[in-house]
């Protein structure tokens, strides 16, 4: 097959690797059992642990992040995450959620990379 210039086209075989998923292994305290989380649930777990009692708000994270869904994934795994609704002003006043991890965890392994 020829390209527009009439040259024989060559197949380019640059393998495109899928992005690596974030993976986090946490130990639930005081029970000591471990859980392995992947993808955005792992990413959200690290954000919640980093934030501590301050909590995480969608306003703190990049635009377009589906925070409520990632919190749902963590709750489905058995983690307790509280939600507080806070008011905000500005050009578009309203309310936003503030999420806090209530389950005490220790991060054992964090294989974070862009997901």
PDB file of N, CA and C in Angstrom:
ATOM      1  N   UNK A   1       0.846  -1.166   0.000  1.00  0.00           N
ATOM      2  CA  UNK A   1       0.000   0.000   0.000  1.00  0.00           C
ATOM      3  C   UNK A   1       0.897   1.235   0.000  1.00  0.00           C
ATOM      4  N   UNK A   2       0.540   2.244  -0.729  1.00  0.00           N
ATOM      5  CA  UNK A   2       1.327   3.468  -0.834  1.00  0.00           C
ATOM      6  C   UNK A   2       0.647   4.597  -0.071  1.00  0.00           C
ATOM      7  N   UNK A   3       1.489   5.495   0.473  1.00  0.00           N
ATOM      8  CA  UNK A   3       0.927   6.657   1.139  1.00  0.00           C
ATOM      9  C   UNK A   3       0.655   7.742   0.107  1.00  0.00           C
ATOM     10  N   UNK A   4       0.262   8.901   0.528  1.00  0.00           N
ATOM     11  CA  UNK A   4      -0.124   9.979  -0.385  1.00  0.00           C
ATOM     12  C   UNK A   4       1.018  10.353  -1.325  1.00  0.00           C
ATOM     13  N   UNK A   5       2.245  10.342  -0.831  1.00  0.00           N
ATOM     14  CA  UNK A   5       3.393  10.730  -1.653  1.00  0.00           C
ATOM     15  C   UNK A   5       3.826   9.619  -2.606  1.00  0.00           C
ATOM     16  N   UNK A   6       3.175   8.465  -2.549  1.00  0.00           N
ATOM     17  CA  UNK A   6       3.507   7.366  -3.433  1.00  0.00           C
ATOM     18  C   UNK A   6       4.562   6.426  -2.877  1.00  0.00           C
ATOM     19  N   UNK A   7       5.005   6.662  -1.658  1.00  0.00           N
ATOM     20  CA  UNK A   7       5.999   5.792  -1.037  1.00  0.00           C
ATOM     21  C   UNK A   7       5.297   4.592  -0.409  1.00  0.00           C
ATOM     22  N   UNK A   8       6.029   3.493  -0.368  1.00  0.00           N
ATOM     23  CA  UNK A   8       5.480   2.312   0.298  1.00  0.00           C
ATOM     24  C   UNK A   8       5.336   2.618   1.786  1.00  0.00           C
ATOM     25  N   UNK A   9       4.154   2.367   2.326  1.00  0.00           N
ATOM     26  CA  UNK A   9       3.960   2.650   3.743  1.00  0.00           C
ATOM     27  C   UNK A   9       4.562   1.534   4.589  1.00  0.00           C
ATOM     28  N   UNK A  10       5.067   1.932   5.711  1.00  0.00           N
ATOM     29  CA  UNK A  10       5.670   0.981   6.636  1.00  0.00           C
ATOM     30  C   UNK A  10       4.816   0.923   7.888  1.00  0.00           C
ATOM     31  N   UNK A  11       4.660  -0.282   8.361  1.00  0.00           N
ATOM     32  CA  UNK A  11       3.897  -0.464   9.597  1.00  0.00           C
ATOM     33  C   UNK A  11       4.736   0.026  10.764  1.00  0.00           C
ATOM     34  N   UNK A  12       4.125   0.823  11.594  1.00  0.00           N
ATOM     35  CA  UNK A  12       4.802   1.296  12.789  1.00  0.00           C
ATOM     36  C   UNK A  12       4.311   0.460  13.964  1.00  0.00           C
ATOM     37  N   UNK A  13       5.217  -0.163  14.620  1.00  0.00           N
ATOM     38  CA  UNK A  13       4.818  -1.022  15.730  1.00  0.00           C
ATOM     39  C   UNK A  13       5.343  -0.473  17.042  1.00  0.00           C
ATOM     40  N   UNK A  14       4.794   0.649  17.437  1.00  0.00           N
ATOM     41  CA  UNK A  14       5.091   1.204  18.747  1.00  0.00           C
ATOM     42  C   UNK A  14       3.989   0.724  19.675  1.00  0.00           C
ATOM     43  N   UNK A  15       4.295  -0.272  20.504  1.00  0.00           N
ATOM     44  CA  UNK A  15       3.232  -0.793  21.366  1.00  0.00           C
ATOM     45  C   UNK A  15       2.770   0.270  22.358  1.00  0.00           C
ATOM     46  N   UNK A  16       1.486   0.424  22.437  1.00  0.00           N
ATOM     47  CA  UNK A  16       0.909   1.374  23.378  1.00  0.00           C
ATOM     48  C   UNK A  16       0.469   0.572  24.591  1.00  0.00           C
ATOM     49  N   UNK A  17       1.142   0.806  25.701  1.00  0.00           N
ATOM     50  CA  UNK A  17       0.815   0.086  26.915  1.00  0.00           C
ATOM     51  C   UNK A  17      -0.312   0.794  27.643  1.00  0.00           C
ATOM     52  N   UNK A  18      -1.233   0.022  28.198  1.00  0.00           N
ATOM     53  CA  UNK A  18      -2.310   0.660  28.956  1.00  0.00           C
ATOM     54  C   UNK A  18      -1.726   1.318  30.202  1.00  0.00           C
ATOM     55  N   UNK A  19      -2.362   2.401  30.674  1.00  0.00           N
ATOM     56  CA  UNK A  19      -1.847   3.058  31.873  1.00  0.00           C
ATOM     57  C   UNK A  19      -1.917   2.105  33.062  1.00  0.00           C
ATOM     58  N   UNK A  20      -0.920   2.197  33.929  1.00  0.00           N
ATOM     59  CA  UNK A  20      -0.903   1.355  35.117  1.00  0.00           C
ATOM     60  C   UNK A  20      -1.920   1.886  36.116  1.00  0.00           C
ATOM     61  N   UNK A  21      -2.597   0.966  36.776  1.00  0.00           N
ATOM     62  CA  UNK A  21      -3.558   1.358  37.795  1.00  0.00           C
ATOM     63  C   UNK A  21      -2.848   1.608  39.109  1.00  0.00           C
ATOM     64  N   UNK A  22      -3.369   2.567  39.850  1.00  0.00           N
ATOM     65  CA  UNK A  22      -2.885   2.765  41.208  1.00  0.00           C
ATOM     66  C   UNK A  22      -3.303   1.560  42.029  1.00  0.00           C
ATOM     67  N   UNK A  23      -2.437   1.117  42.890  1.00  0.00           N
ATOM     68  CA  UNK A  23      -2.745   0.007  43.781  1.00  0.00           C
ATOM     69  C   UNK A  23      -2.287   0.383  45.181  1.00  0.00           C
ATOM     70  N   UNK A  24      -3.172   0.196  46.150  1.00  0.00           N
ATOM     71  CA  UNK A  24      -2.863   0.494  47.542  1.00  0.00           C
ATOM     72  C   UNK A  24      -3.284  -0.701  48.376  1.00  0.00           C
ATOM     73  N   UNK A  25      -2.415  -1.097  49.290  1.00  0.00           N
ATOM     74  CA  UNK A  25      -2.757  -2.123  50.271  1.00  0.00           C
ATOM     75  C   UNK A  25      -2.814  -1.444  51.625  1.00  0.00           C
ATOM     76  N   UNK A  26      -3.939  -1.601  52.310  1.00  0.00           N
ATOM     77  CA  UNK A  26      -4.121  -0.970  53.621  1.00  0.00           C
ATOM     78  C   UNK A  26      -4.396  -2.026  54.673  1.00  0.00           C
ATOM     79  N   UNK A  27      -3.976  -1.724  55.891  1.00  0.00           N
ATOM     80  CA  UNK A  27      -4.308  -2.572  57.040  1.00  0.00           C
ATOM     81  C   UNK A  27      -5.377  -1.834  57.831  1.00  0.00           C
ATOM     82  N   UNK A  28      -6.482  -2.501  58.091  1.00  0.00           N
ATOM     83  CA  UNK A  28      -7.581  -1.916  58.852  1.00  0.00           C
ATOM     84  C   UNK A  28      -7.270  -2.121  60.331  1.00  0.00           C
ATOM     85  N   UNK A  29      -7.255  -1.019  61.066  1.00  0.00           N
ATOM     86  CA  UNK A  29      -6.939  -1.056  62.502  1.00  0.00           C
ATOM     87  C   UNK A  29      -8.229  -1.099  63.307  1.00  0.00           C
ATOM     88  N   UNK A  30      -8.312  -1.688  64.433  1.00  0.00           N
ATOM     89  CA  UNK A  30      -7.295  -2.481  65.109  1.00  0.00           C
ATOM     90  C   UNK A  30      -7.330  -3.963  64.711  1.00  0.00           C
ATOM     91  N   UNK A  31      -8.233  -4.327  63.795  1.00  0.00           N
ATOM     92  CA  UNK A  31      -8.399  -5.739  63.441  1.00  0.00           C
ATOM     93  C   UNK A  31      -7.159  -6.331  62.787  1.00  0.00           C
ATOM     94  N   UNK A  32      -6.478  -5.558  61.976  1.00  0.00           N
ATOM     95  CA  UNK A  32      -5.244  -6.019  61.360  1.00  0.00           C
ATOM     96  C   UNK A  32      -5.407  -6.696  60.014  1.00  0.00           C
ATOM     97  N   UNK A  33      -6.645  -6.837  59.517  1.00  0.00           N
ATOM     98  CA  UNK A  33      -6.784  -7.463  58.203  1.00  0.00           C
ATOM     99  C   UNK A  33      -6.427  -6.462  57.112  1.00  0.00           C
ATOM    100  N   UNK A  34      -6.032  -6.988  55.967  1.00  0.00           N
ATOM    101  CA  UNK A  34      -5.584  -6.111  54.886  1.00  0.00           C
ATOM    102  C   UNK A  34      -6.582  -6.123  53.737  1.00  0.00           C
ATOM    103  N   UNK A  35      -6.590  -5.013  53.027  1.00  0.00           N
ATOM    104  CA  UNK A  35      -7.417  -4.857  51.820  1.00  0.00           C
ATOM    105  C   UNK A  35      -6.541  -4.279  50.739  1.00  0.00           C
ATOM    106  N   UNK A  36      -6.738  -4.766  49.517  1.00  0.00           N
ATOM    107  CA  UNK A  36      -6.012  -4.238  48.363  1.00  0.00           C
ATOM    108  C   UNK A  36      -7.021  -3.501  47.486  1.00  0.00           C
ATOM    109  N   UNK A  37      -6.725  -2.254  47.197  1.00  0.00           N
ATOM    110  CA  UNK A  37      -7.594  -1.423  46.362  1.00  0.00           C
ATOM    111  C   UNK A  37      -6.857  -1.088  45.081  1.00  0.00           C
ATOM    112  N   UNK A  38      -7.616  -0.957  43.995  1.00  0.00           N
ATOM    113  CA  UNK A  38      -7.021  -0.624  42.704  1.00  0.00           C
ATOM    114  C   UNK A  38      -7.738   0.560  42.077  1.00  0.00           C
ATOM    115  N   UNK A  39      -7.043   1.195  41.153  1.00  0.00           N
ATOM    116  CA  UNK A  39      -7.635   2.260  40.350  1.00  0.00           C
ATOM    117  C   UNK A  39      -7.978   3.487  41.159  1.00  0.00           C
ATOM    118  N   UNK A  40      -9.100   4.090  40.807  1.00  0.00           N
ATOM    119  CA  UNK A  40      -9.504   5.343  41.450  1.00  0.00           C
ATOM    120  C   UNK A  40      -9.886   5.161  42.908  1.00  0.00           C
ATOM    121  N   UNK A  41     -10.356   3.967  43.283  1.00  0.00           N
ATOM    122  CA  UNK A  41     -10.644   3.717  44.701  1.00  0.00           C
ATOM    123  C   UNK A  41      -9.355   3.804  45.509  1.00  0.00           C
ATOM    124  N   UNK A  42      -8.261   3.270  44.973  1.00  0.00           N
ATOM    125  CA  UNK A  42      -6.955   3.348  45.635  1.00  0.00           C
ATOM    126  C   UNK A  42      -6.500   4.801  45.720  1.00  0.00           C
ATOM    127  N   UNK A  43      -6.663   5.529  44.628  1.00  0.00           N
ATOM    128  CA  UNK A  43      -6.281   6.938  44.590  1.00  0.00           C
ATOM    129  C   UNK A  43      -7.055   7.736  45.641  1.00  0.00           C
ATOM    130  N   UNK A  44      -8.381   7.492  45.719  1.00  0.00           N
ATOM    131  CA  UNK A  44      -9.214   8.216  46.682  1.00  0.00           C
ATOM    132  C   UNK A  44      -8.835   7.842  48.115  1.00  0.00           C
ATOM    133  N   UNK A  45      -8.491   6.594  48.343  1.00  0.00           N
ATOM    134  CA  UNK A  45      -8.067   6.179  49.688  1.00  0.00           C
ATOM    135  C   UNK A  45      -6.829   6.963  50.119  1.00  0.00           C
ATOM    136  N   UNK A  46      -5.865   7.106  49.231  1.00  0.00           N
ATOM    137  CA  UNK A  46      -4.660   7.857  49.594  1.00  0.00           C
ATOM    138  C   UNK A  46      -4.991   9.328  49.872  1.00  0.00           C
ATOM    139  N   UNK A  47      -5.900   9.903  49.089  1.00  0.00           N
ATOM    140  CA  UNK A  47      -6.309  11.296  49.320  1.00  0.00           C
ATOM    141  C   UNK A  47      -6.976  11.456  50.685  1.00  0.00           C
ATOM    142  N   UNK A  48      -7.836  10.501  51.053  1.00  0.00           N
ATOM    143  CA  UNK A  48      -8.519  10.564  52.340  1.00  0.00           C
ATOM    144  C   UNK A  48      -7.541  10.391  53.498  1.00  0.00           C
ATOM    145  N   UNK A  49      -6.590   9.481  53.354  1.00  0.00           N
ATOM    146  CA  UNK A  49      -5.600   9.262  54.409  1.00  0.00           C
ATOM    147  C   UNK A  49      -4.715  10.498  54.548  1.00  0.00           C
ATOM    148  N   UNK A  50      -4.292  11.083  53.433  1.00  0.00           N
ATOM    149  CA  UNK A  50      -3.466  12.295  53.464  1.00  0.00           C
ATOM    150  C   UNK A  50      -4.206  13.448  54.131  1.00  0.00           C
ATOM    151  N   UNK A  51      -5.506  13.573  53.865  1.00  0.00           N
ATOM    152  CA  UNK A  51      -6.292  14.688  54.399  1.00  0.00           C
ATOM    153  C   UNK A  51      -6.570  14.524  55.886  1.00  0.00           C
ATOM    154  N   UNK A  52      -6.658  13.299  56.366  1.00  0.00           N
ATOM    155  CA  UNK A  52      -6.941  13.058  57.781  1.00  0.00           C
ATOM    156  C   UNK A  52      -8.303  13.610  58.180  1.00  0.00           C
ATOM    157  N   UNK A  53      -8.367  14.215  59.375  1.00  0.00           N
ATOM    158  CA  UNK A  53      -9.639  14.741  59.900  1.00  0.00           C
ATOM    159  C   UNK A  53     -10.115  15.981  59.152  1.00  0.00           C
ATOM    160  N   UNK A  54      -9.220  16.617  58.389  1.00  0.00           N
ATOM    161  CA  UNK A  54      -9.613  17.776  57.582  1.00  0.00           C
ATOM    162  C   UNK A  54     -10.641  17.368  56.531  1.00  0.00           C
ATOM    163  N   UNK A  55     -10.469  16.177  55.968  1.00  0.00           N
ATOM    164  CA  UNK A  55     -11.402  15.670  54.973  1.00  0.00           C
ATOM    165  C   UNK A  55     -11.058  16.113  53.564  1.00  0.00           C
ATOM    166  N   UNK A  56     -11.760  15.532  52.609  1.00  0.00           N
ATOM    167  CA  UNK A  56     -11.557  15.809  51.187  1.00  0.00           C
ATOM    168  C   UNK A  56     -12.856  16.329  50.600  1.00  0.00           C
ATOM    169  N   UNK A  57     -12.735  17.401  49.848  1.00  0.00           N
ATOM    170  CA  UNK A  57     -13.875  17.993  49.167  1.00  0.00           C
ATOM    171  C   UNK A  57     -13.627  17.932  47.667  1.00  0.00           C
ATOM    172  N   UNK A  58     -14.675  17.827  46.865  1.00  0.00           N
ATOM    173  CA  UNK A  58     -14.477  17.895  45.413  1.00  0.00           C
ATOM    174  C   UNK A  58     -13.788  19.192  44.985  1.00  0.00           C
ATOM    175  N   UNK A  59     -13.887  20.240  45.798  1.00  0.00           N
ATOM    176  CA  UNK A  59     -13.233  21.509  45.483  1.00  0.00           C
ATOM    177  C   UNK A  59     -11.716  21.399  45.607  1.00  0.00           C
ATOM    178  N   UNK A  60     -11.223  20.402  46.365  1.00  0.00           N
ATOM    179  CA  UNK A  60      -9.788  20.207  46.565  1.00  0.00           C
ATOM    180  C   UNK A  60      -9.147  19.393  45.442  1.00  0.00           C
ATOM    181  N   UNK A  61      -9.957  18.767  44.625  1.00  0.00           N
ATOM    182  CA  UNK A  61      -9.463  17.820  43.630  1.00  0.00           C
ATOM    183  C   UNK A  61      -9.620  18.376  42.220  1.00  0.00           C
ATOM    184  N   UNK A  62      -8.956  17.763  41.254  1.00  0.00           N
ATOM    185  CA  UNK A  62      -9.085  18.237  39.873  1.00  0.00           C
ATOM    186  C   UNK A  62     -10.542  18.211  39.403  1.00  0.00           C
ATOM    187  N   UNK A  63     -10.885  19.141  38.558  1.00  0.00           N
ATOM    188  CA  UNK A  63     -12.227  19.220  38.003  1.00  0.00           C
ATOM    189  C   UNK A  63     -12.547  17.953  37.220  1.00  0.00           C
ATOM    190  N   UNK A  64     -13.747  17.458  37.381  1.00  0.00           N
ATOM    191  CA  UNK A  64     -14.189  16.289  36.626  1.00  0.00           C
ATOM    192  C   UNK A  64     -13.992  14.969  37.343  1.00  0.00           C
ATOM    193  N   UNK A  65     -13.357  14.986  38.519  1.00  0.00           N
ATOM    194  CA  UNK A  65     -13.163  13.750  39.273  1.00  0.00           C
ATOM    195  C   UNK A  65     -14.489  13.348  39.899  1.00  0.00           C
ATOM    196  N   UNK A  66     -14.865  12.099  39.709  1.00  0.00           N
ATOM    197  CA  UNK A  66     -16.157  11.606  40.186  1.00  0.00           C
ATOM    198  C   UNK A  66     -16.036  11.159  41.644  1.00  0.00           C
ATOM    199  N   UNK A  67     -15.873  12.111  42.526  1.00  0.00           N
ATOM    200  CA  UNK A  67     -15.588  11.848  43.931  1.00  0.00           C
ATOM    201  C   UNK A  67     -16.649  10.953  44.564  1.00  0.00           C
ATOM    202  N   UNK A  68     -17.918  11.265  44.378  1.00  0.00           N
ATOM    203  CA  UNK A  68     -18.986  10.497  45.013  1.00  0.00           C
ATOM    204  C   UNK A  68     -18.931   9.028  44.596  1.00  0.00           C
ATOM    205  N   UNK A  69     -18.586   8.760  43.355  1.00  0.00           N
ATOM    206  CA  UNK A  69     -18.500   7.366  42.900  1.00  0.00           C
ATOM    207  C   UNK A  69     -17.341   6.646  43.576  1.00  0.00           C
ATOM    208  N   UNK A  70     -16.202   7.316  43.716  1.00  0.00           N
ATOM    209  CA  UNK A  70     -15.049   6.676  44.350  1.00  0.00           C
ATOM    210  C   UNK A  70     -15.318   6.439  45.834  1.00  0.00           C
ATOM    211  N   UNK A  71     -16.058   7.343  46.477  1.00  0.00           N
ATOM    212  CA  UNK A  71     -16.462   7.139  47.870  1.00  0.00           C
ATOM    213  C   UNK A  71     -17.398   5.940  47.944  1.00  0.00           C
ATOM    214  N   UNK A  72     -18.310   5.817  46.988  1.00  0.00           N
ATOM    215  CA  UNK A  72     -19.209   4.660  46.911  1.00  0.00           C
ATOM    216  C   UNK A  72     -18.407   3.366  46.832  1.00  0.00           C
ATOM    217  N   UNK A  73     -17.352   3.344  46.004  1.00  0.00           N
ATOM    218  CA  UNK A  73     -16.521   2.141  45.864  1.00  0.00           C
ATOM    219  C   UNK A  73     -15.855   1.775  47.187  1.00  0.00           C
ATOM    220  N   UNK A  74     -15.380   2.784  47.916  1.00  0.00           N
ATOM    221  CA  UNK A  74     -14.753   2.510  49.211  1.00  0.00           C
ATOM    222  C   UNK A  74     -15.768   2.004  50.229  1.00  0.00           C
ATOM    223  N   UNK A  75     -16.941   2.599  50.230  1.00  0.00           N
ATOM    224  CA  UNK A  75     -17.987   2.133  51.156  1.00  0.00           C
ATOM    225  C   UNK A  75     -18.406   0.705  50.830  1.00  0.00           C
ATOM    226  N   UNK A  76     -18.468   0.383  49.560  1.00  0.00           N
ATOM    227  CA  UNK A  76     -18.820  -0.975  49.142  1.00  0.00           C
ATOM    228  C   UNK A  76     -17.784  -1.989  49.630  1.00  0.00           C
ATOM    229  N   UNK A  77     -16.530  -1.540  49.778  1.00  0.00           N
ATOM    230  CA  UNK A  77     -15.460  -2.399  50.297  1.00  0.00           C
ATOM    231  C   UNK A  77     -15.498  -2.511  51.817  1.00  0.00           C
ATOM    232  N   UNK A  78     -16.406  -1.756  52.457  1.00  0.00           N
ATOM    233  CA  UNK A  78     -16.571  -1.853  53.903  1.00  0.00           C
ATOM    234  C   UNK A  78     -15.964  -0.726  54.711  1.00  0.00           C
ATOM    235  N   UNK A  79     -15.386   0.268  54.055  1.00  0.00           N
ATOM    236  CA  UNK A  79     -14.803   1.404  54.767  1.00  0.00           C
ATOM    237  C   UNK A  79     -15.900   2.381  55.157  1.00  0.00           C
ATOM    238  N   UNK A  80     -15.750   2.996  56.318  1.00  0.00           N
ATOM    239  CA  UNK A  80     -16.718   3.987  56.778  1.00  0.00           C
ATOM    240  C   UNK A  80     -16.196   5.364  56.389  1.00  0.00           C
ATOM    241  N   UNK A  81     -16.978   6.058  55.562  1.00  0.00           N
ATOM    242  CA  UNK A  81     -16.633   7.407  55.108  1.00  0.00           C
ATOM    243  C   UNK A  81     -17.815   8.302  55.425  1.00  0.00           C
ATOM    244  N   UNK A  82     -17.574   9.322  56.255  1.00  0.00           N
ATOM    245  CA  UNK A  82     -18.657  10.242  56.610  1.00  0.00           C
ATOM    246  C   UNK A  82     -18.750  11.361  55.577  1.00  0.00           C
ATOM    247  N   UNK A  83     -19.952  11.930  55.474  1.00  0.00           N
ATOM    248  CA  UNK A  83     -20.203  13.025  54.547  1.00  0.00           C
ATOM    249  C   UNK A  83     -20.788  14.201  55.313  1.00  0.00           C
ATOM    250  N   UNK A  84     -20.189  15.352  55.148  1.00  0.00           N
ATOM    251  CA  UNK A  84     -20.704  16.591  55.731  1.00  0.00           C
ATOM    252  C   UNK A  84     -20.968  17.550  54.575  1.00  0.00           C
ATOM    253  N   UNK A  85     -22.099  18.211  54.600  1.00  0.00           N
ATOM    254  CA  UNK A  85     -22.418  19.171  53.539  1.00  0.00           C
ATOM    255  C   UNK A  85     -22.072  20.574  54.029  1.00  0.00           C
ATOM    256  N   UNK A  86     -21.259  21.262  53.253  1.00  0.00           N
ATOM    257  CA  UNK A  86     -20.800  22.601  53.616  1.00  0.00           C
ATOM    258  C   UNK A  86     -21.235  23.596  52.549  1.00  0.00           C
ATOM    259  N   UNK A  87     -21.552  24.801  52.979  1.00  0.00           N
ATOM    260  CA  UNK A  87     -21.951  25.864  52.048  1.00  0.00           C
ATOM    261  C   UNK A  87     -20.723  26.569  51.500  1.00  0.00           C
ATOM    262  N   UNK A  88     -20.865  27.066  50.295  1.00  0.00           N
ATOM    263  CA  UNK A  88     -19.807  27.891  49.712  1.00  0.00           C
ATOM    264  C   UNK A  88     -20.451  29.018  48.915  1.00  0.00           C
ATOM    265  N   UNK A  89     -19.735  30.128  48.853  1.00  0.00           N
ATOM    266  CA  UNK A  89     -20.207  31.295  48.107  1.00  0.00           C
ATOM    267  C   UNK A  89     -19.557  31.333  46.745  1.00  0.00           C
ATOM    268  N   UNK A  90     -19.246  32.522  46.322  1.00  0.00           N
ATOM    269  CA  UNK A  90     -18.590  32.682  45.039  1.00  0.00           C
ATOM    270  C   UNK A  90     -19.571  32.918  43.913  1.00  0.00           C
ATOM    271  N   UNK A  91     -19.089  32.767  42.697  1.00  0.00           N
ATOM    272  CA  UNK A  91     -19.909  33.023  41.526  1.00  0.00           C
ATOM    273  C   UNK A  91     -21.085  32.044  41.423  1.00  0.00           C
ATOM    274  N   UNK A  92     -20.874  30.814  41.891  1.00  0.00           N
ATOM    275  CA  UNK A  92     -21.921  29.787  41.863  1.00  0.00           C
ATOM    276  C   UNK A  92     -22.119  29.250  43.273  1.00  0.00           C
ATOM    277  N   UNK A  93     -22.801  30.000  44.144  1.00  0.00           N
ATOM    278  CA  UNK A  93     -22.964  29.556  45.526  1.00  0.00           C
ATOM    279  C   UNK A  93     -23.812  28.291  45.609  1.00  0.00           C
ATOM    280  N   UNK A  94     -23.568  27.542  46.653  1.00  0.00           N
ATOM    281  CA  UNK A  94     -24.317  26.310  46.872  1.00  0.00           C
ATOM    282  C   UNK A  94     -23.689  25.513  47.990  1.00  0.00           C
ATOM    283  N   UNK A  95     -23.766  24.205  47.896  1.00  0.00           N
ATOM    284  CA  UNK A  95     -23.164  23.333  48.897  1.00  0.00           C
ATOM    285  C   UNK A  95     -22.254  22.322  48.200  1.00  0.00           C
ATOM    286  N   UNK A  96     -21.340  21.794  48.963  1.00  0.00           N
ATOM    287  CA  UNK A  96     -20.477  20.725  48.479  1.00  0.00           C
ATOM    288  C   UNK A  96     -20.265  19.737  49.621  1.00  0.00           C
ATOM    289  N   UNK A  97     -19.863  18.539  49.278  1.00  0.00           N
ATOM    290  CA  UNK A  97     -19.647  17.501  50.281  1.00  0.00           C
ATOM    291  C   UNK A  97     -18.205  17.556  50.784  1.00  0.00           C
ATOM    292  N   UNK A  98     -18.046  17.171  52.033  1.00  0.00           N
ATOM    293  CA  UNK A  98     -16.739  17.025  52.640  1.00  0.00           C
ATOM    294  C   UNK A  98     -16.690  15.599  53.179  1.00  0.00           C
ATOM    295  N   UNK A  99     -15.771  14.795  52.665  1.00  0.00           N
ATOM    296  CA  UNK A  99     -15.683  13.380  53.014  1.00  0.00           C
ATOM    297  C   UNK A  99     -14.529  13.147  53.967  1.00  0.00           C
ATOM    298  N   UNK A 100     -14.790  12.339  55.005  1.00  0.00           N
ATOM    299  CA  UNK A 100     -13.754  11.965  55.974  1.00  0.00           C
ATOM    300  C   UNK A 100     -13.752  10.445  56.132  1.00  0.00           C
ATOM    301  N   UNK A 101     -12.561   9.887  56.129  1.00  0.00           N
ATOM    302  CA  UNK A 101     -12.402   8.454  56.359  1.00  0.00           C
ATOM    303  C   UNK A 101     -12.481   8.210  57.856  1.00  0.00           C
ATOM    304  N   UNK A 102     -13.495   7.472  58.280  1.00  0.00           N
ATOM    305  CA  UNK A 102     -13.691   7.192  59.701  1.00  0.00           C
ATOM    306  C   UNK A 102     -13.054   5.865  60.100  1.00  0.00           C
ATOM    307  N   UNK A 103     -12.840   4.980  59.152  1.00  0.00           N
ATOM    308  CA  UNK A 103     -12.166   3.715  59.421  1.00  0.00           C
ATOM    309  C   UNK A 103     -10.679   4.006  59.573  1.00  0.00           C
ATOM    310  N   UNK A 104     -10.102   3.543  60.657  1.00  0.00           N
ATOM    311  CA  UNK A 104      -8.668   3.766  60.865  1.00  0.00           C
ATOM    312  C   UNK A 104      -7.884   2.760  60.030  1.00  0.00           C
ATOM    313  N   UNK A 105      -7.032   3.266  59.162  1.00  0.00           N
ATOM    314  CA  UNK A 105      -6.234   2.405  58.291  1.00  0.00           C
ATOM    315  C   UNK A 105      -4.777   2.852  58.309  1.00  0.00           C
ATOM    316  N   UNK A 106      -3.920   1.920  57.968  1.00  0.00           N
ATOM    317  CA  UNK A 106      -2.506   2.203  57.763  1.00  0.00           C
ATOM    318  C   UNK A 106      -2.167   1.745  56.362  1.00  0.00           C
ATOM    319  N   UNK A 107      -1.557   2.622  55.573  1.00  0.00           N
ATOM    320  CA  UNK A 107      -1.157   2.239  54.221  1.00  0.00           C
ATOM    321  C   UNK A 107       0.117   1.410  54.312  1.00  0.00           C
ATOM    322  N   UNK A 108       0.032   0.166  53.836  1.00  0.00           N
ATOM    323  CA  UNK A 108       1.179  -0.731  53.853  1.00  0.00           C
ATOM    324  C   UNK A 108       1.998  -0.618  52.575  1.00  0.00           C
ATOM    325  N   UNK A 109       1.306  -0.482  51.465  1.00  0.00           N
ATOM    326  CA  UNK A 109       1.977  -0.420  50.169  1.00  0.00           C
ATOM    327  C   UNK A 109       1.195   0.513  49.259  1.00  0.00           C
ATOM    328  N   UNK A 110       1.907   1.420  48.626  1.00  0.00           N
ATOM    329  CA  UNK A 110       1.272   2.366  47.724  1.00  0.00           C
ATOM    330  C   UNK A 110       2.023   2.326  46.403  1.00  0.00           C
ATOM    331  N   UNK A 111       1.441   1.649  45.416  1.00  0.00           N
ATOM    332  CA  UNK A 111       2.033   1.546  44.087  1.00  0.00           C
ATOM    333  C   UNK A 111       1.321   2.540  43.184  1.00  0.00           C
ATOM    334  N   UNK A 112       1.397   3.821  43.552  1.00  0.00           N
ATOM    335  CA  UNK A 112       0.648   4.851  42.837  1.00  0.00           C
ATOM    336  C   UNK A 112       1.339   5.211  41.531  1.00  0.00           C
ATOM    337  N   UNK A 113       0.516   5.340  40.504  1.00  0.00           N
ATOM    338  CA  UNK A 113       0.945   5.890  39.226  1.00  0.00           C
ATOM    339  C   UNK A 113      -0.280   6.474  38.575  1.00  0.00           C
ATOM    340  N   UNK A 114      -0.084   7.283  37.580  1.00  0.00           N
ATOM    341  CA  UNK A 114      -1.231   7.928  36.921  1.00  0.00           C
ATOM    342  C   UNK A 114      -2.150   6.869  36.351  1.00  0.00           C
ATOM    343  N   UNK A 115      -3.403   6.964  36.737  1.00  0.00           N
ATOM    344  CA  UNK A 115      -4.382   5.989  36.236  1.00  0.00           C
ATOM    345  C   UNK A 115      -5.252   6.616  35.195  1.00  0.00           C
TER     346      UNK A 115
END
